[in-house]
PDB file of N, CA and C in Angstrom:
ATOM      1  N   MET A   1     -10.199 -38.112 -36.072  1.00  0.00           N
ATOM      2  CA  MET A   1     -10.457 -38.134 -34.615  1.00  0.00           C
ATOM      3  C   MET A   1     -11.795 -37.588 -34.486  1.00  0.00           C
ATOM      4  N   SER A   2     -12.428 -38.395 -33.538  1.00  0.00           N
ATOM      5  CA  SER A   2     -13.890 -37.936 -33.218  1.00  0.00           C
ATOM      6  C   SER A   2     -13.724 -37.126 -31.764  1.00  0.00           C
ATOM      7  N   MET A   3     -14.512 -36.195 -31.537  1.00  0.00           N
ATOM      8  CA  MET A   3     -14.672 -35.329 -30.527  1.00  0.00           C
ATOM      9  C   MET A   3     -15.596 -35.962 -29.342  1.00  0.00           C
ATOM     10  N   PRO A   4     -15.482 -35.977 -28.166  1.00  0.00           N
ATOM     11  CA  PRO A   4     -16.319 -36.495 -27.190  1.00  0.00           C
ATOM     12  C   PRO A   4     -17.645 -35.613 -27.225  1.00  0.00           C
ATOM     13  N   ARG A   5     -18.799 -36.333 -27.078  1.00  0.00           N
ATOM     14  CA  ARG A   5     -20.092 -35.441 -27.174  1.00  0.00           C
ATOM     15  C   ARG A   5     -20.085 -34.349 -26.167  1.00  0.00           C
ATOM     16  N   ALA A   6     -19.676 -34.575 -25.132  1.00  0.00           N
ATOM     17  CA  ALA A   6     -19.706 -33.520 -23.974  1.00  0.00           C
ATOM     18  C   ALA A   6     -19.119 -32.038 -24.407  1.00  0.00           C
ATOM     19  N   SER A   7     -18.018 -32.381 -25.241  1.00  0.00           N
ATOM     20  CA  SER A   7     -17.269 -31.062 -25.565  1.00  0.00           C
ATOM     21  C   SER A   7     -17.802 -30.136 -26.569  1.00  0.00           C
ATOM     22  N   LYS A   8     -19.127 -30.706 -27.208  1.00  0.00           N
ATOM     23  CA  LYS A   8     -19.692 -30.041 -28.273  1.00  0.00           C
ATOM     24  C   LYS A   8     -20.671 -29.097 -27.675  1.00  0.00           C
ATOM     25  N   ILE A   9     -20.994 -29.175 -26.364  1.00  0.00           N
ATOM     26  CA  ILE A   9     -21.874 -28.268 -25.570  1.00  0.00           C
ATOM     27  C   ILE A   9     -21.232 -26.935 -25.413  1.00  0.00           C
ATOM     28  N   PRO A  10     -21.693 -25.810 -25.765  1.00  0.00           N
ATOM     29  CA  PRO A  10     -21.017 -24.449 -25.392  1.00  0.00           C
ATOM     30  C   PRO A  10     -20.828 -24.369 -23.888  1.00  0.00           C
ATOM     31  N   ILE A  11     -19.937 -23.565 -23.502  1.00  0.00           N
ATOM     32  CA  ILE A  11     -19.701 -23.325 -21.976  1.00  0.00           C
ATOM     33  C   ILE A  11     -20.812 -22.599 -21.451  1.00  0.00           C
ATOM     34  N   LEU A  12     -21.419 -21.577 -22.325  1.00  0.00           N
ATOM     35  CA  LEU A  12     -22.470 -20.770 -21.858  1.00  0.00           C
ATOM     36  C   LEU A  12     -23.775 -21.464 -21.472  1.00  0.00           C
ATOM     37  N   THR A  13     -24.020 -22.540 -22.110  1.00  0.00           N
ATOM     38  CA  THR A  13     -25.119 -23.365 -21.873  1.00  0.00           C
ATOM     39  C   THR A  13     -25.035 -24.066 -20.775  1.00  0.00           C
ATOM     40  N   LYS A  14     -23.718 -24.613 -20.408  1.00  0.00           N
ATOM     41  CA  LYS A  14     -23.569 -25.289 -19.120  1.00  0.00           C
ATOM     42  C   LYS A  14     -23.795 -24.467 -17.990  1.00  0.00           C
ATOM     43  N   THR A  15     -23.241 -23.101 -18.073  1.00  0.00           N
ATOM     44  CA  THR A  15     -23.185 -22.106 -17.023  1.00  0.00           C
ATOM     45  C   THR A  15     -24.582 -21.679 -16.669  1.00  0.00           C
ATOM     46  N   LYS A  16     -25.451 -21.490 -17.804  1.00  0.00           N
ATOM     47  CA  LYS A  16     -26.834 -20.984 -17.754  1.00  0.00           C
ATOM     48  C   LYS A  16     -27.574 -22.243 -17.022  1.00  0.00           C
ATOM     49  N   ALA A  17     -27.449 -23.376 -17.343  1.00  0.00           N
ATOM     50  CA  ALA A  17     -28.200 -24.650 -16.805  1.00  0.00           C
ATOM     51  C   ALA A  17     -27.773 -24.665 -15.296  1.00  0.00           C
ATOM     52  N   MET A  18     -26.588 -24.536 -14.884  1.00  0.00           N
ATOM     53  CA  MET A  18     -26.224 -24.656 -13.453  1.00  0.00           C
ATOM     54  C   MET A  18     -26.747 -23.675 -12.608  1.00  0.00           C
ATOM     55  N   MET A  19     -26.965 -22.480 -13.270  1.00  0.00           N
ATOM     56  CA  MET A  19     -27.225 -21.228 -12.470  1.00  0.00           C
ATOM     57  C   MET A  19     -28.869 -21.009 -12.512  1.00  0.00           C
ATOM     58  N   TRP A  20     -29.573 -21.988 -13.193  1.00  0.00           N
ATOM     59  CA  TRP A  20     -31.043 -21.643 -13.319  1.00  0.00           C
ATOM     60  C   TRP A  20     -31.897 -21.560 -12.082  1.00  0.00           C
ATOM     61  N   GLY A  21     -31.709 -22.385 -11.234  1.00  0.00           N
ATOM     62  CA  GLY A  21     -32.511 -22.326  -9.899  1.00  0.00           C
ATOM     63  C   GLY A  21     -31.979 -21.527  -8.855  1.00  0.00           C
ATOM     64  N   LYS A  22     -30.792 -20.874  -8.967  1.00  0.00           N
ATOM     65  CA  LYS A  22     -30.182 -20.120  -7.947  1.00  0.00           C
ATOM     66  C   LYS A  22     -31.022 -18.839  -7.638  1.00  0.00           C
ATOM     67  N   ARG A  23     -31.366 -17.992  -8.527  1.00  0.00           N
ATOM     68  CA  ARG A  23     -32.003 -16.819  -8.252  1.00  0.00           C
ATOM     69  C   ARG A  23     -33.197 -16.537  -9.179  1.00  0.00           C
ATOM     70  N   PHE A  24     -34.201 -15.973  -8.833  1.00  0.00           N
ATOM     71  CA  PHE A  24     -35.464 -15.711  -9.654  1.00  0.00           C
ATOM     72  C   PHE A  24     -35.375 -14.141  -9.908  1.00  0.00           C
ATOM     73  N   GLN A  25     -35.001 -13.669 -10.935  1.00  0.00           N
ATOM     74  CA  GLN A  25     -35.206 -12.294 -11.283  1.00  0.00           C
ATOM     75  C   GLN A  25     -34.786 -11.233 -10.213  1.00  0.00           C
ATOM     76  N   GLY A  26     -33.600 -11.556  -9.644  1.00  0.00           N
ATOM     77  CA  GLY A  26     -33.113 -10.632  -8.749  1.00  0.00           C
ATOM     78  C   GLY A  26     -33.467 -10.622  -7.382  1.00  0.00           C
ATOM     79  N   ILE A  27     -34.261 -11.599  -6.933  1.00  0.00           N
ATOM     80  CA  ILE A  27     -34.860 -11.637  -5.584  1.00  0.00           C
ATOM     81  C   ILE A  27     -34.685 -13.098  -4.943  1.00  0.00           C
ATOM     82  N   GLN A  28     -34.625 -12.973  -3.639  1.00  0.00           N
ATOM     83  CA  GLN A  28     -34.531 -14.471  -3.063  1.00  0.00           C
ATOM     84  C   GLN A  28     -35.660 -14.279  -1.892  1.00  0.00           C
ATOM     85  N   ARG A  29     -36.143 -15.454  -1.607  1.00  0.00           N
ATOM     86  CA  ARG A  29     -37.159 -15.539  -0.552  1.00  0.00           C
ATOM     87  C   ARG A  29     -36.370 -16.429   0.513  1.00  0.00           C
ATOM     88  N   HIS A  30     -36.618 -15.870   1.833  1.00  0.00           N
ATOM     89  CA  HIS A  30     -36.004 -16.516   2.938  1.00  0.00           C
ATOM     90  C   HIS A  30     -37.127 -16.871   3.812  1.00  0.00           C
ATOM     91  N   ILE A  31     -37.524 -18.232   4.023  1.00  0.00           N
ATOM     92  CA  ILE A  31     -38.726 -18.690   4.709  1.00  0.00           C
ATOM     93  C   ILE A  31     -38.169 -19.454   5.910  1.00  0.00           C
ATOM     94  N   VAL A  32     -38.673 -19.064   7.054  1.00  0.00           N
ATOM     95  CA  VAL A  32     -38.530 -19.766   8.396  1.00  0.00           C
ATOM     96  C   VAL A  32     -39.695 -20.702   8.585  1.00  0.00           C
ATOM     97  N   VAL A  33     -39.491 -21.878   8.825  1.00  0.00           N
ATOM     98  CA  VAL A  33     -40.457 -22.896   9.124  1.00  0.00           C
ATOM     99  C   VAL A  33     -40.395 -23.553  10.471  1.00  0.00           C
ATOM    100  N   ASP A  34     -41.460 -24.069  11.108  1.00  0.00           N
ATOM    101  CA  ASP A  34     -41.296 -24.779  12.415  1.00  0.00           C
ATOM    102  C   ASP A  34     -40.956 -26.305  12.249  1.00  0.00           C
ATOM    103  N   SER A  35     -40.954 -27.135  13.223  1.00  0.00           N
ATOM    104  CA  SER A  35     -40.606 -28.393  13.109  1.00  0.00           C
ATOM    105  C   SER A  35     -41.393 -29.253  12.191  1.00  0.00           C
ATOM    106  N   GLN A  36     -42.728 -28.808  12.018  1.00  0.00           N
ATOM    107  CA  GLN A  36     -43.802 -29.449  11.203  1.00  0.00           C
ATOM    108  C   GLN A  36     -43.623 -28.985   9.631  1.00  0.00           C
ATOM    109  N   GLY A  37     -42.932 -28.014   9.477  1.00  0.00           N
ATOM    110  CA  GLY A  37     -42.733 -27.503   8.073  1.00  0.00           C
ATOM    111  C   GLY A  37     -43.641 -26.398   7.809  1.00  0.00           C
ATOM    112  N   LEU A  38     -44.426 -25.850   8.859  1.00  0.00           N
ATOM    113  CA  LEU A  38     -45.310 -24.764   8.635  1.00  0.00           C
ATOM    114  C   LEU A  38     -44.483 -23.385   8.612  1.00  0.00           C
ATOM    115  N   PRO A  39     -44.879 -22.428   7.641  1.00  0.00           N
ATOM    116  CA  PRO A  39     -44.017 -21.228   7.521  1.00  0.00           C
ATOM    117  C   PRO A  39     -44.419 -20.313   8.741  1.00  0.00           C
ATOM    118  N   GLN A  40     -43.408 -19.779   9.256  1.00  0.00           N
ATOM    119  CA  GLN A  40     -43.512 -18.953  10.441  1.00  0.00           C
ATOM    120  C   GLN A  40     -43.054 -17.343  10.153  1.00  0.00           C
ATOM    121  N   ALA A  41     -42.144 -17.194   9.203  1.00  0.00           N
ATOM    122  CA  ALA A  41     -41.619 -15.942   8.760  1.00  0.00           C
ATOM    123  C   ALA A  41     -41.284 -16.100   7.301  1.00  0.00           C
ATOM    124  N   VAL A  42     -41.497 -14.857   6.506  1.00  0.00           N
ATOM    125  CA  VAL A  42     -41.066 -14.871   5.159  1.00  0.00           C
ATOM    126  C   VAL A  42     -40.604 -13.587   4.963  1.00  0.00           C
ATOM    127  N   VAL A  43     -39.213 -13.353   4.340  1.00  0.00           N
ATOM    128  CA  VAL A  43     -38.793 -12.192   4.025  1.00  0.00           C
ATOM    129  C   VAL A  43     -38.102 -12.355   2.563  1.00  0.00           C
ATOM    130  N   VAL A  44     -38.338 -11.301   1.836  1.00  0.00           N
ATOM    131  CA  VAL A  44     -38.025 -11.321   0.394  1.00  0.00           C
ATOM    132  C   VAL A  44     -36.902 -10.238   0.285  1.00  0.00           C
ATOM    133  N   THR A  45     -35.886 -10.531  -0.161  1.00  0.00           N
ATOM    134  CA  THR A  45     -34.626  -9.798  -0.425  1.00  0.00           C
ATOM    135  C   THR A  45     -33.986  -9.611  -1.750  1.00  0.00           C
ATOM    136  N   THR A  46     -33.263  -8.583  -1.977  1.00  0.00           N
ATOM    137  CA  THR A  46     -32.610  -8.601  -3.423  1.00  0.00           C
ATOM    138  C   THR A  46     -31.598  -9.798  -3.498  1.00  0.00           C
ATOM    139  N   ALA A  47     -31.103 -10.108  -4.712  1.00  0.00           N
ATOM    140  CA  ALA A  47     -30.250 -11.219  -4.918  1.00  0.00           C
ATOM    141  C   ALA A  47     -28.878 -11.124  -4.376  1.00  0.00           C
ATOM    142  N   ASN A  48     -28.565  -9.757  -4.029  1.00  0.00           N
ATOM    143  CA  ASN A  48     -27.114  -9.618  -3.488  1.00  0.00           C
ATOM    144  C   ASN A  48     -27.002  -9.930  -2.025  1.00  0.00           C
ATOM    145  N   VAL A  49     -28.036 -10.014  -1.208  1.00  0.00           N
ATOM    146  CA  VAL A  49     -28.041 -10.512   0.013  1.00  0.00           C
ATOM    147  C   VAL A  49     -27.736 -11.988   0.251  1.00  0.00           C
ATOM    148  N   THR A  50     -26.917 -12.315   1.116  1.00  0.00           N
ATOM    149  CA  THR A  50     -26.362 -13.758   1.165  1.00  0.00           C
ATOM    150  C   THR A  50     -27.600 -14.534   1.902  1.00  0.00           C
ATOM    151  N   GLY A  51     -27.499 -15.820   1.798  1.00  0.00           N
ATOM    152  CA  GLY A  51     -28.607 -16.553   2.630  1.00  0.00           C
ATOM    153  C   GLY A  51     -28.471 -16.483   4.147  1.00  0.00           C
ATOM    154  N   ARG A  52     -27.295 -16.353   4.582  1.00  0.00           N
ATOM    155  CA  ARG A  52     -27.040 -16.110   6.045  1.00  0.00           C
ATOM    156  C   ARG A  52     -27.682 -14.745   6.460  1.00  0.00           C
ATOM    157  N   GLU A  53     -27.321 -13.666   5.860  1.00  0.00           N
ATOM    158  CA  GLU A  53     -27.970 -12.426   6.199  1.00  0.00           C
ATOM    159  C   GLU A  53     -29.479 -12.376   6.033  1.00  0.00           C
ATOM    160  N   GLY A  54     -30.012 -13.035   5.047  1.00  0.00           N
ATOM    161  CA  GLY A  54     -31.411 -13.103   4.772  1.00  0.00           C
ATOM    162  C   GLY A  54     -32.223 -13.955   5.872  1.00  0.00           C
ATOM    163  N   ALA A  55     -31.456 -14.859   6.403  1.00  0.00           N
ATOM    164  CA  ALA A  55     -31.995 -15.803   7.524  1.00  0.00           C
ATOM    165  C   ALA A  55     -31.933 -15.054   8.884  1.00  0.00           C
ATOM    166  N   LEU A  56     -30.939 -14.188   9.156  1.00  0.00           N
ATOM    167  CA  LEU A  56     -30.901 -13.376  10.281  1.00  0.00           C
ATOM    168  C   LEU A  56     -31.862 -12.319  10.273  1.00  0.00           C
ATOM    169  N   ASP A  57     -32.139 -11.668   9.012  1.00  0.00           N
ATOM    170  CA  ASP A  57     -33.110 -10.712   8.865  1.00  0.00           C
ATOM    171  C   ASP A  57     -34.619 -11.275   9.166  1.00  0.00           C
ATOM    172  N   ALA A  58     -34.809 -12.487   8.743  1.00  0.00           N
ATOM    173  CA  ALA A  58     -36.180 -13.051   8.871  1.00  0.00           C
ATOM    174  C   ALA A  58     -36.429 -13.312  10.353  1.00  0.00           C
ATOM    175  N   LEU A  59     -35.351 -13.903  11.080  1.00  0.00           N
ATOM    176  CA  LEU A  59     -35.497 -14.121  12.495  1.00  0.00           C
ATOM    177  C   LEU A  59     -35.489 -12.873  13.277  1.00  0.00           C
ATOM    178  N   ALA A  60     -34.816 -11.935  12.916  1.00  0.00           N
ATOM    179  CA  ALA A  60     -34.879 -10.665  13.723  1.00  0.00           C
ATOM    180  C   ALA A  60     -36.157  -9.963  13.417  1.00  0.00           C
ATOM    181  N   GLY A  61     -36.635  -9.789  12.292  1.00  0.00           N
ATOM    182  CA  GLY A  61     -37.850  -9.193  12.001  1.00  0.00           C
ATOM    183  C   GLY A  61     -39.153  -9.770  12.596  1.00  0.00           C
ATOM    184  N   HIS A  62     -39.154 -11.145  12.829  1.00  0.00           N
ATOM    185  CA  HIS A  62     -40.216 -11.810  13.384  1.00  0.00           C
ATOM    186  C   HIS A  62     -39.985 -12.359  14.654  1.00  0.00           C
ATOM    187  N   GLN A  63     -39.090 -11.791  15.499  1.00  0.00           N
ATOM    188  CA  GLN A  63     -38.704 -12.527  16.748  1.00  0.00           C
ATOM    189  C   GLN A  63     -39.926 -12.523  17.630  1.00  0.00           C
ATOM    190  N   ASP A  64     -40.787 -11.591  17.720  1.00  0.00           N
ATOM    191  CA  ASP A  64     -41.954 -11.634  18.721  1.00  0.00           C
ATOM    192  C   ASP A  64     -42.851 -12.703  18.289  1.00  0.00           C
ATOM    193  N   ASN A  65     -43.057 -13.098  17.023  1.00  0.00           N
ATOM    194  CA  ASN A  65     -43.945 -14.033  16.624  1.00  0.00           C
ATOM    195  C   ASN A  65     -43.350 -15.375  16.860  1.00  0.00           C
ATOM    196  N   LEU A  66     -42.062 -15.614  16.892  1.00  0.00           N
ATOM    197  CA  LEU A  66     -41.462 -16.779  17.019  1.00  0.00           C
ATOM    198  C   LEU A  66     -41.259 -17.333  18.354  1.00  0.00           C
ATOM    199  N   ARG A  67     -41.532 -16.523  19.397  1.00  0.00           N
ATOM    200  CA  ARG A  67     -41.381 -16.992  20.769  1.00  0.00           C
ATOM    201  C   ARG A  67     -42.615 -17.820  21.173  1.00  0.00           C
ATOM    202  N   LYS A  68     -42.325 -18.854  21.947  1.00  0.00           N
ATOM    203  CA  LYS A  68     -43.288 -19.743  22.542  1.00  0.00           C
ATOM    204  C   LYS A  68     -44.237 -19.019  23.642  1.00  0.00           C
TER     205      LYS A  68
END
């Protein structure tokens, strides 16, 4: 009986490949951009901060600069 080729790949390799772009050395960058894609605020947080919390921190910390 022959085994399917996909089953020969270790589980660890699959998990590592899927998680590669998720976090970079324990930090996350939260960038607020305007409608033209220009950066308006940047906040760097630790990896345990959720995307929602990081976005709220970025907006709250730069609220004066973001007003028209």
